[in-house]
C-alpha atoms as a PDB file:
ATOM      1  CA  MET A   1    -184.300 162.187 -90.834  1.00  0.00           C
ATOM      2  CA  ILE A   2    -181.358 160.385 -92.507  1.00  0.00           C
ATOM      3  CA  ILE A   3    -180.731 157.057 -91.053  1.00  0.00           C
ATOM      4  CA  LYS A   4    -176.944 156.661 -90.444  1.00  0.00           C
ATOM      5  CA  VAL A   5    -175.543 152.900 -91.527  1.00  0.00           C
ATOM      6  CA  ASN A   6    -171.686 153.170 -91.083  1.00  0.00           C
ATOM      7  CA  LYS A   7    -169.205 154.597 -88.447  1.00  0.00           C
ATOM      8  CA  THR A   8    -167.806 157.657 -89.509  1.00  0.00           C
ATOM      9  CA  ILE A   9    -164.310 157.563 -91.308  1.00  0.00           C
ATOM     10  CA  VAL A  10    -161.737 160.410 -92.076  1.00  0.00           C
ATOM     11  CA  SER A  11    -159.315 159.865 -95.147  1.00  0.00           C
ATOM     12  CA  PRO A  12    -156.732 162.256 -94.741  1.00  0.00           C
ATOM     13  CA  SER A  13    -155.731 163.429 -98.566  1.00  0.00           C
ATOM     14  CA  ILE A  14    -152.180 163.496 -99.675  1.00  0.00           C
ATOM     15  CA  LEU A  15    -152.891 165.982-101.937  1.00  0.00           C
ATOM     16  CA  ALA A  16    -152.364 168.677 -99.213  1.00  0.00           C
ATOM     17  CA  ALA A  17    -149.247 166.963 -97.871  1.00  0.00           C
ATOM     18  CA  ASP A  18    -145.621 168.334 -98.524  1.00  0.00           C
ATOM     19  CA  TYR A  19    -144.642 166.523-101.607  1.00  0.00           C
ATOM     20  CA  SER A  20    -141.061 166.350-100.379  1.00  0.00           C
ATOM     21  CA  ASP A  21    -142.249 164.251 -97.800  1.00  0.00           C
ATOM     22  CA  PHE A  22    -144.718 161.470 -98.591  1.00  0.00           C
ATOM     23  CA  LYS A  23    -143.716 159.188 -95.612  1.00  0.00           C
ATOM     24  CA  GLY A  24    -143.777 161.564 -93.197  1.00  0.00           C
ATOM     25  CA  ALA A  25    -147.486 162.724 -94.310  1.00  0.00           C
ATOM     26  CA  ILE A  26    -148.262 158.513 -94.239  1.00  0.00           C
ATOM     27  CA  SER A  27    -146.454 158.634 -90.292  1.00  0.00           C
ATOM     28  CA  GLN A  28    -148.796 161.939 -89.231  1.00  0.00           C
ATOM     29  CA  ILE A  29    -151.687 160.244 -90.672  1.00  0.00           C
ATOM     30  CA  ASP A  30    -150.832 156.925 -88.902  1.00  0.00           C
ATOM     31  CA  ASP A  31    -150.457 158.793 -85.775  1.00  0.00           C
ATOM     32  CA  SER A  32    -153.738 160.670 -86.111  1.00  0.00           C
ATOM     33  CA  GLY A  33    -155.282 157.499 -86.113  1.00  0.00           C
ATOM     34  CA  ALA A  34    -157.421 158.010 -89.341  1.00  0.00           C
ATOM     35  CA  GLY A  35    -156.975 154.691 -91.057  1.00  0.00           C
ATOM     36  CA  TRP A  36    -157.230 155.736 -94.197  1.00  0.00           C
ATOM     37  CA  VAL A  37    -154.880 157.170 -96.930  1.00  0.00           C
ATOM     38  CA  HIS A  38    -156.791 159.715 -99.594  1.00  0.00           C
ATOM     39  CA  MET A  39    -154.604 159.655-102.783  1.00  0.00           C
ATOM     40  CA  ASP A  40    -156.173 161.603-105.673  1.00  0.00           C
ATOM     41  CA  VAL A  41    -154.641 160.684-109.201  1.00  0.00           C
ATOM     42  CA  MET A  42    -154.745 163.356-111.586  1.00  0.00           C
ATOM     43  CA  ASP A  43    -154.117 163.117-115.023  1.00  0.00           C
ATOM     44  CA  GLY A  44    -153.853 166.760-116.379  1.00  0.00           C
ATOM     45  CA  SER A  45    -157.096 165.579-118.911  1.00  0.00           C
ATOM     46  CA  PHE A  46    -160.078 164.592-116.850  1.00  0.00           C
ATOM     47  CA  VAL A  47    -159.061 167.922-114.639  1.00  0.00           C
ATOM     48  CA  PRO A  48    -156.316 170.511-114.915  1.00  0.00           C
ATOM     49  CA  ASN A  49    -153.747 169.261-112.797  1.00  0.00           C
ATOM     50  CA  ILE A  50    -150.863 166.226-112.586  1.00  0.00           C
ATOM     51  CA  THR A  51    -150.267 164.524-109.210  1.00  0.00           C
ATOM     52  CA  PHE A  52    -148.876 161.342-109.120  1.00  0.00           C
ATOM     53  CA  GLY A  53    -149.534 157.401-110.383  1.00  0.00           C
ATOM     54  CA  PRO A  54    -149.498 153.419-109.115  1.00  0.00           C
ATOM     55  CA  GLU A  55    -145.831 153.951-108.155  1.00  0.00           C
ATOM     56  CA  LEU A  56    -146.097 155.778-105.319  1.00  0.00           C
ATOM     57  CA  VAL A  57    -149.143 153.653-104.315  1.00  0.00           C
ATOM     58  CA  ARG A  58    -146.792 151.186-104.200  1.00  0.00           C
ATOM     59  CA  ALA A  59    -144.412 152.725-102.205  1.00  0.00           C
ATOM     60  CA  LEU A  60    -146.849 153.993 -99.813  1.00  0.00           C
ATOM     61  CA  ARG A  61    -148.074 150.856 -99.464  1.00  0.00           C
ATOM     62  CA  ALA A  62    -144.781 149.526 -97.975  1.00  0.00           C
ATOM     63  CA  LYS A  63    -144.525 152.026 -94.991  1.00  0.00           C
ATOM     64  CA  THR A  64    -148.361 152.113 -93.653  1.00  0.00           C
ATOM     65  CA  LYS A  65    -151.138 149.031 -93.010  1.00  0.00           C
ATOM     66  CA  ALA A  66    -153.556 151.790 -93.439  1.00  0.00           C
ATOM     67  CA  ILE A  67    -156.317 151.678 -96.305  1.00  0.00           C
ATOM     68  CA  LEU A  68    -155.270 153.198 -99.204  1.00  0.00           C
ATOM     69  CA  ASP A  69    -158.477 155.058-100.472  1.00  0.00           C
ATOM     70  CA  ILE A  70    -157.398 155.879-104.475  1.00  0.00           C
ATOM     71  CA  HIS A  71    -159.153 158.371-106.353  1.00  0.00           C
ATOM     72  CA  LEU A  72    -158.515 158.282-109.852  1.00  0.00           C
ATOM     73  CA  MET A  73    -159.558 161.640-111.541  1.00  0.00           C
ATOM     74  CA  ILE A  74    -158.593 160.828-114.830  1.00  0.00           C
ATOM     75  CA  VAL A  75    -159.770 159.802-118.358  1.00  0.00           C
ATOM     76  CA  ARG A  76    -160.289 155.903-119.132  1.00  0.00           C
ATOM     77  CA  PRO A  77    -159.827 155.293-115.674  1.00  0.00           C
ATOM     78  CA  GLY A  78    -160.885 151.449-116.652  1.00  0.00           C
ATOM     79  CA  SER A  79    -157.540 151.003-118.403  1.00  0.00           C
ATOM     80  CA  PHE A  80    -155.591 151.165-114.949  1.00  0.00           C
ATOM     81  CA  ILE A  81    -157.766 149.806-112.462  1.00  0.00           C
ATOM     82  CA  ARG A  82    -155.627 146.494-112.493  1.00  0.00           C
ATOM     83  CA  GLN A  83    -152.091 148.664-112.037  1.00  0.00           C
ATOM     84  CA  PHE A  84    -153.779 150.144-108.961  1.00  0.00           C
ATOM     85  CA  SER A  85    -154.905 146.985-107.386  1.00  0.00           C
ATOM     86  CA  GLU A  86    -151.639 145.359-108.205  1.00  0.00           C
ATOM     87  CA  ALA A  87    -149.751 148.682-106.606  1.00  0.00           C
ATOM     88  CA  GLY A  88    -151.907 147.478-102.868  1.00  0.00           C
ATOM     89  CA  ALA A  89    -154.626 150.006-103.538  1.00  0.00           C
ATOM     90  CA  ASP A  90    -157.548 148.916-101.055  1.00  0.00           C
ATOM     91  CA  ASN A  91    -160.456 151.258-102.486  1.00  0.00           C
ATOM     92  CA  ILE A  92    -160.209 152.158-106.185  1.00  0.00           C
ATOM     93  CA  THR A  93    -162.948 155.366-106.904  1.00  0.00           C
ATOM     94  CA  PHE A  94    -163.439 156.522-110.466  1.00  0.00           C
ATOM     95  CA  HIS A  95    -165.426 158.979-112.303  1.00  0.00           C
ATOM     96  CA  TYR A  96    -168.766 158.237-113.221  1.00  0.00           C
ATOM     97  CA  GLU A  97    -168.117 160.890-116.316  1.00  0.00           C
ATOM     98  CA  ALA A  98    -165.254 158.933-117.176  1.00  0.00           C
ATOM     99  CA  GLU A  99    -166.626 155.903-118.052  1.00  0.00           C
ATOM    100  CA  THR A 100    -169.487 154.669-120.013  1.00  0.00           C
ATOM    101  CA  HIS A 101    -169.900 151.381-118.731  1.00  0.00           C
ATOM    102  CA  SER A 102    -169.672 151.870-115.048  1.00  0.00           C
ATOM    103  CA  GLN A 103    -171.453 148.741-114.073  1.00  0.00           C
ATOM    104  CA  LYS A 104    -168.590 146.853-115.800  1.00  0.00           C
ATOM    105  CA  TYR A 105    -165.566 148.818-113.808  1.00  0.00           C
ATOM    106  CA  LEU A 106    -167.495 148.350-110.687  1.00  0.00           C
ATOM    107  CA  THR A 107    -167.803 144.655-111.031  1.00  0.00           C
ATOM    108  CA  GLU A 108    -163.755 144.548-112.245  1.00  0.00           C
ATOM    109  CA  ILE A 109    -162.421 146.312-109.087  1.00  0.00           C
ATOM    110  CA  ARG A 110    -164.457 144.415-106.703  1.00  0.00           C
ATOM    111  CA  ASN A 111    -163.603 141.080-108.374  1.00  0.00           C
ATOM    112  CA  LEU A 112    -159.882 142.352-107.962  1.00  0.00           C
ATOM    113  CA  GLY A 113    -160.475 142.584-104.194  1.00  0.00           C
ATOM    114  CA  CYS A 114    -160.897 146.301-103.821  1.00  0.00           C
ATOM    115  CA  LYS A 115    -163.647 147.831-102.889  1.00  0.00           C
ATOM    116  CA  ALA A 116    -165.282 149.964-105.526  1.00  0.00           C
ATOM    117  CA  GLY A 117    -166.188 153.262-105.567  1.00  0.00           C
ATOM    118  CA  ILE A 118    -167.605 155.661-108.083  1.00  0.00           C
ATOM    119  CA  SER A 119    -167.510 159.819-108.022  1.00  0.00           C
ATOM    120  CA  LEU A 120    -169.503 162.465-109.296  1.00  0.00           C
ATOM    121  CA  VAL A 121    -168.494 165.862-110.213  1.00  0.00           C
ATOM    122  CA  PRO A 122    -170.536 169.268-108.446  1.00  0.00           C
ATOM    123  CA  SER A 123    -172.838 169.172-112.112  1.00  0.00           C
ATOM    124  CA  THR A 124    -173.669 165.406-112.203  1.00  0.00           C
ATOM    125  CA  PRO A 125    -176.899 164.615-110.011  1.00  0.00           C
ATOM    126  CA  CYS A 126    -176.752 161.725-107.983  1.00  0.00           C
ATOM    127  CA  SER A 127    -179.845 160.369-109.771  1.00  0.00           C
ATOM    128  CA  VAL A 128    -177.487 158.751-112.499  1.00  0.00           C
ATOM    129  CA  LEU A 129    -176.341 156.357-109.544  1.00  0.00           C
ATOM    130  CA  GLU A 130    -179.697 154.702-109.410  1.00  0.00           C
ATOM    131  CA  ASP A 131    -179.370 151.587-111.203  1.00  0.00           C
ATOM    132  CA  ILE A 132    -175.570 150.249-110.230  1.00  0.00           C
ATOM    133  CA  LEU A 133    -176.170 151.255-106.268  1.00  0.00           C
ATOM    134  CA  PRO A 134    -175.664 147.279-105.827  1.00  0.00           C
ATOM    135  CA  TYR A 135    -172.443 147.227-107.249  1.00  0.00           C
ATOM    136  CA  ILE A 136    -171.062 150.243-105.092  1.00  0.00           C
ATOM    137  CA  ASP A 137    -169.250 150.189-102.188  1.00  0.00           C
ATOM    138  CA  ILE A 138    -168.319 153.701-101.694  1.00  0.00           C
ATOM    139  CA  ALA A 139    -170.112 157.160-103.424  1.00  0.00           C
ATOM    140  CA  LEU A 140    -167.885 159.868-103.686  1.00  0.00           C
ATOM    141  CA  ILE A 141    -169.226 163.277-103.970  1.00  0.00           C
ATOM    142  CA  MET A 142    -167.521 165.972-104.950  1.00  0.00           C
ATOM    143  CA  THR A 143    -168.049 169.105-102.927  1.00  0.00           C
ATOM    144  CA  VAL A 144    -165.552 171.054-105.327  1.00  0.00           C
ATOM    145  CA  ASN A 145    -165.043 171.259-108.682  1.00  0.00           C
ATOM    146  CA  PRO A 146    -161.929 168.563-109.133  1.00  0.00           C
ATOM    147  CA  GLY A 147    -158.429 169.720-109.509  1.00  0.00           C
ATOM    148  CA  PHE A 148    -157.049 171.100-106.815  1.00  0.00           C
ATOM    149  CA  GLY A 149    -156.817 171.314-102.776  1.00  0.00           C
ATOM    150  CA  GLY A 150    -157.885 174.064-100.642  1.00  0.00           C
ATOM    151  CA  GLN A 151    -160.957 174.985-102.289  1.00  0.00           C
ATOM    152  CA  SER A 152    -164.281 176.106-100.325  1.00  0.00           C
ATOM    153  CA  LEU A 153    -167.122 173.625-100.012  1.00  0.00           C
ATOM    154  CA  ILE A 154    -169.864 174.414-102.747  1.00  0.00           C
ATOM    155  CA  PRO A 155    -173.337 173.848 -99.903  1.00  0.00           C
ATOM    156  CA  GLU A 156    -175.378 172.793-102.542  1.00  0.00           C
ATOM    157  CA  CYS A 157    -173.366 169.918-103.070  1.00  0.00           C
ATOM    158  CA  LEU A 158    -174.253 168.912 -99.706  1.00  0.00           C
ATOM    159  CA  LYS A 159    -178.229 168.303-101.080  1.00  0.00           C
ATOM    160  CA  LYS A 160    -176.855 165.458-103.262  1.00  0.00           C
ATOM    161  CA  VAL A 161    -175.641 164.198-100.124  1.00  0.00           C
ATOM    162  CA  GLU A 162    -179.063 163.975 -98.653  1.00  0.00           C
ATOM    163  CA  LYS A 163    -180.547 162.766-101.713  1.00  0.00           C
ATOM    164  CA  LEU A 164    -178.034 159.825-102.445  1.00  0.00           C
ATOM    165  CA  ALA A 165    -178.597 158.992 -98.384  1.00  0.00           C
ATOM    166  CA  VAL A 166    -182.460 158.845 -99.087  1.00  0.00           C
ATOM    167  CA  MET A 167    -181.389 156.449-102.613  1.00  0.00           C
ATOM    168  CA  ARG A 168    -179.405 154.122 -99.964  1.00  0.00           C
ATOM    169  CA  GLU A 169    -181.733 153.830 -97.163  1.00  0.00           C
ATOM    170  CA  LYS A 170    -184.903 152.928 -99.855  1.00  0.00           C
ATOM    171  CA  ALA A 171    -182.418 150.623-101.682  1.00  0.00           C
ATOM    172  CA  ARG A 172    -181.703 148.967 -97.975  1.00  0.00           C
ATOM    173  CA  LEU A 173    -177.914 149.101 -99.049  1.00  0.00           C
ATOM    174  CA  ASN A 174    -174.843 150.453 -96.796  1.00  0.00           C
ATOM    175  CA  PHE A 175    -172.471 151.655 -99.180  1.00  0.00           C
ATOM    176  CA  ARG A 176    -170.556 154.322 -97.786  1.00  0.00           C
ATOM    177  CA  ILE A 177    -171.162 158.106 -98.686  1.00  0.00           C
ATOM    178  CA  SER A 178    -167.919 160.484 -99.234  1.00  0.00           C
ATOM    179  CA  VAL A 179    -167.306 163.638 -99.539  1.00  0.00           C
ATOM    180  CA  ASP A 180    -164.129 165.561-100.974  1.00  0.00           C
ATOM    181  CA  GLY A 181    -163.553 168.945-101.447  1.00  0.00           C
ATOM    182  CA  GLY A 182    -163.605 171.922 -98.312  1.00  0.00           C
ATOM    183  CA  ILE A 183    -163.989 169.550 -95.624  1.00  0.00           C
ATOM    184  CA  ASN A 184    -163.007 171.112 -92.418  1.00  0.00           C
ATOM    185  CA  GLU A 185    -163.824 170.951 -88.887  1.00  0.00           C
ATOM    186  CA  LYS A 186    -167.393 173.058 -89.651  1.00  0.00           C
ATOM    187  CA  THR A 187    -168.529 171.442 -93.011  1.00  0.00           C
ATOM    188  CA  ALA A 188    -167.670 168.166 -91.744  1.00  0.00           C
ATOM    189  CA  LYS A 189    -170.695 168.515 -89.370  1.00  0.00           C
ATOM    190  CA  ASP A 190    -173.011 170.195 -92.171  1.00  0.00           C
ATOM    191  CA  ALA A 191    -171.129 166.994 -94.540  1.00  0.00           C
ATOM    192  CA  ILE A 192    -172.185 164.491 -91.625  1.00  0.00           C
ATOM    193  CA  SER A 193    -175.518 165.687 -90.792  1.00  0.00           C
ATOM    194  CA  ALA A 194    -176.739 165.337 -94.960  1.00  0.00           C
ATOM    195  CA  GLY A 195    -175.849 161.667 -94.562  1.00  0.00           C
ATOM    196  CA  ALA A 196    -171.972 161.446 -95.510  1.00  0.00           C
ATOM    197  CA  ASP A 197    -170.028 159.140 -93.244  1.00  0.00           C
ATOM    198  CA  THR A 198    -166.522 159.586 -95.011  1.00  0.00           C
ATOM    199  CA  LEU A 199    -164.926 162.363 -95.078  1.00  0.00           C
ATOM    200  CA  VAL A 200    -161.789 163.271 -97.343  1.00  0.00           C
ATOM    201  CA  MET A 201    -159.478 165.880 -95.775  1.00  0.00           C
ATOM    202  CA  GLY A 202    -156.552 167.843 -96.938  1.00  0.00           C
ATOM    203  CA  SER A 203    -155.645 171.257 -96.296  1.00  0.00           C
ATOM    204  CA  ALA A 204    -157.690 171.120 -92.782  1.00  0.00           C
ATOM    205  CA  PHE A 205    -156.107 167.723 -91.633  1.00  0.00           C
ATOM    206  CA  PHE A 206    -152.284 168.967 -92.271  1.00  0.00           C
ATOM    207  CA  GLY A 207    -152.685 172.641 -91.280  1.00  0.00           C
ATOM    208  CA  SER A 208    -153.814 171.310 -88.236  1.00  0.00           C
ATOM    209  CA  SER A 209    -151.065 171.146 -85.052  1.00  0.00           C
ATOM    210  CA  GLU A 210    -153.644 168.518 -83.149  1.00  0.00           C
ATOM    211  CA  LYS A 211    -154.280 166.242 -86.022  1.00  0.00           C
ATOM    212  CA  LYS A 212    -155.126 163.483 -83.315  1.00  0.00           C
ATOM    213  CA  GLU A 213    -157.770 165.335 -81.460  1.00  0.00           C
ATOM    214  CA  LEU A 214    -158.912 166.701 -84.637  1.00  0.00           C
ATOM    215  CA  ILE A 215    -159.601 162.846 -86.373  1.00  0.00           C
ATOM    216  CA  ALA A 216    -160.802 162.071 -82.778  1.00  0.00           C
ATOM    217  CA  ASN A 217    -163.454 164.748 -83.044  1.00  0.00           C
ATOM    218  CA  LEU A 218    -164.366 163.951 -86.196  1.00  0.00           C
ATOM    219  CA  GLN A 219    -164.885 160.073 -85.365  1.00  0.00           C
ATOM    220  CA  LYS A 220    -167.446 160.817 -82.980  1.00  0.00           C
ATOM    221  CA  LEU A 221    -169.504 163.031 -84.814  1.00  0.00           C
END
């Protein structure tokens, strides 16, 4: 049995929003009661897509009091941590696969006053995080191969969530376990059952006509 240590949080991803109306997207997220805004920063190198940088974070920081949950899908993320912190990020997550000195950058993120996150692509086992668990505030498990929204969740990735939840319990820690990719009402239940407590949701959120009800139902799981 997986012991749940954190309340469920939904972090709608503006990757699935209307790029001509980010202000409207933020208003929808705020009105839904989600409380977090997930921002996927892509550079066209670490992943095969390009999105946005710290200036959009700065612009949206002025529009919302929600937690800005920044996910750096870029090469050399350590070189950009301070820029995103100064732009108004609350959480900064980078990829284990993109930096050799993970502990160093997790510590830097915390020292800048942000929550420190680290992410794994589907092919990376969660065992690589064992020695740095005390430095992690958010462990983000990619449940699709990153780069594009609208993909289907890879079921095998939930086994990683289960393993990570056991690692967290054994270490007596309370970092958040986040899942990103193919999350909808059905897969959200599976992810939470596996041990996740943070749900990054893109297409299913922005495609919903009842966003407030959707968020409330997921938060109850």
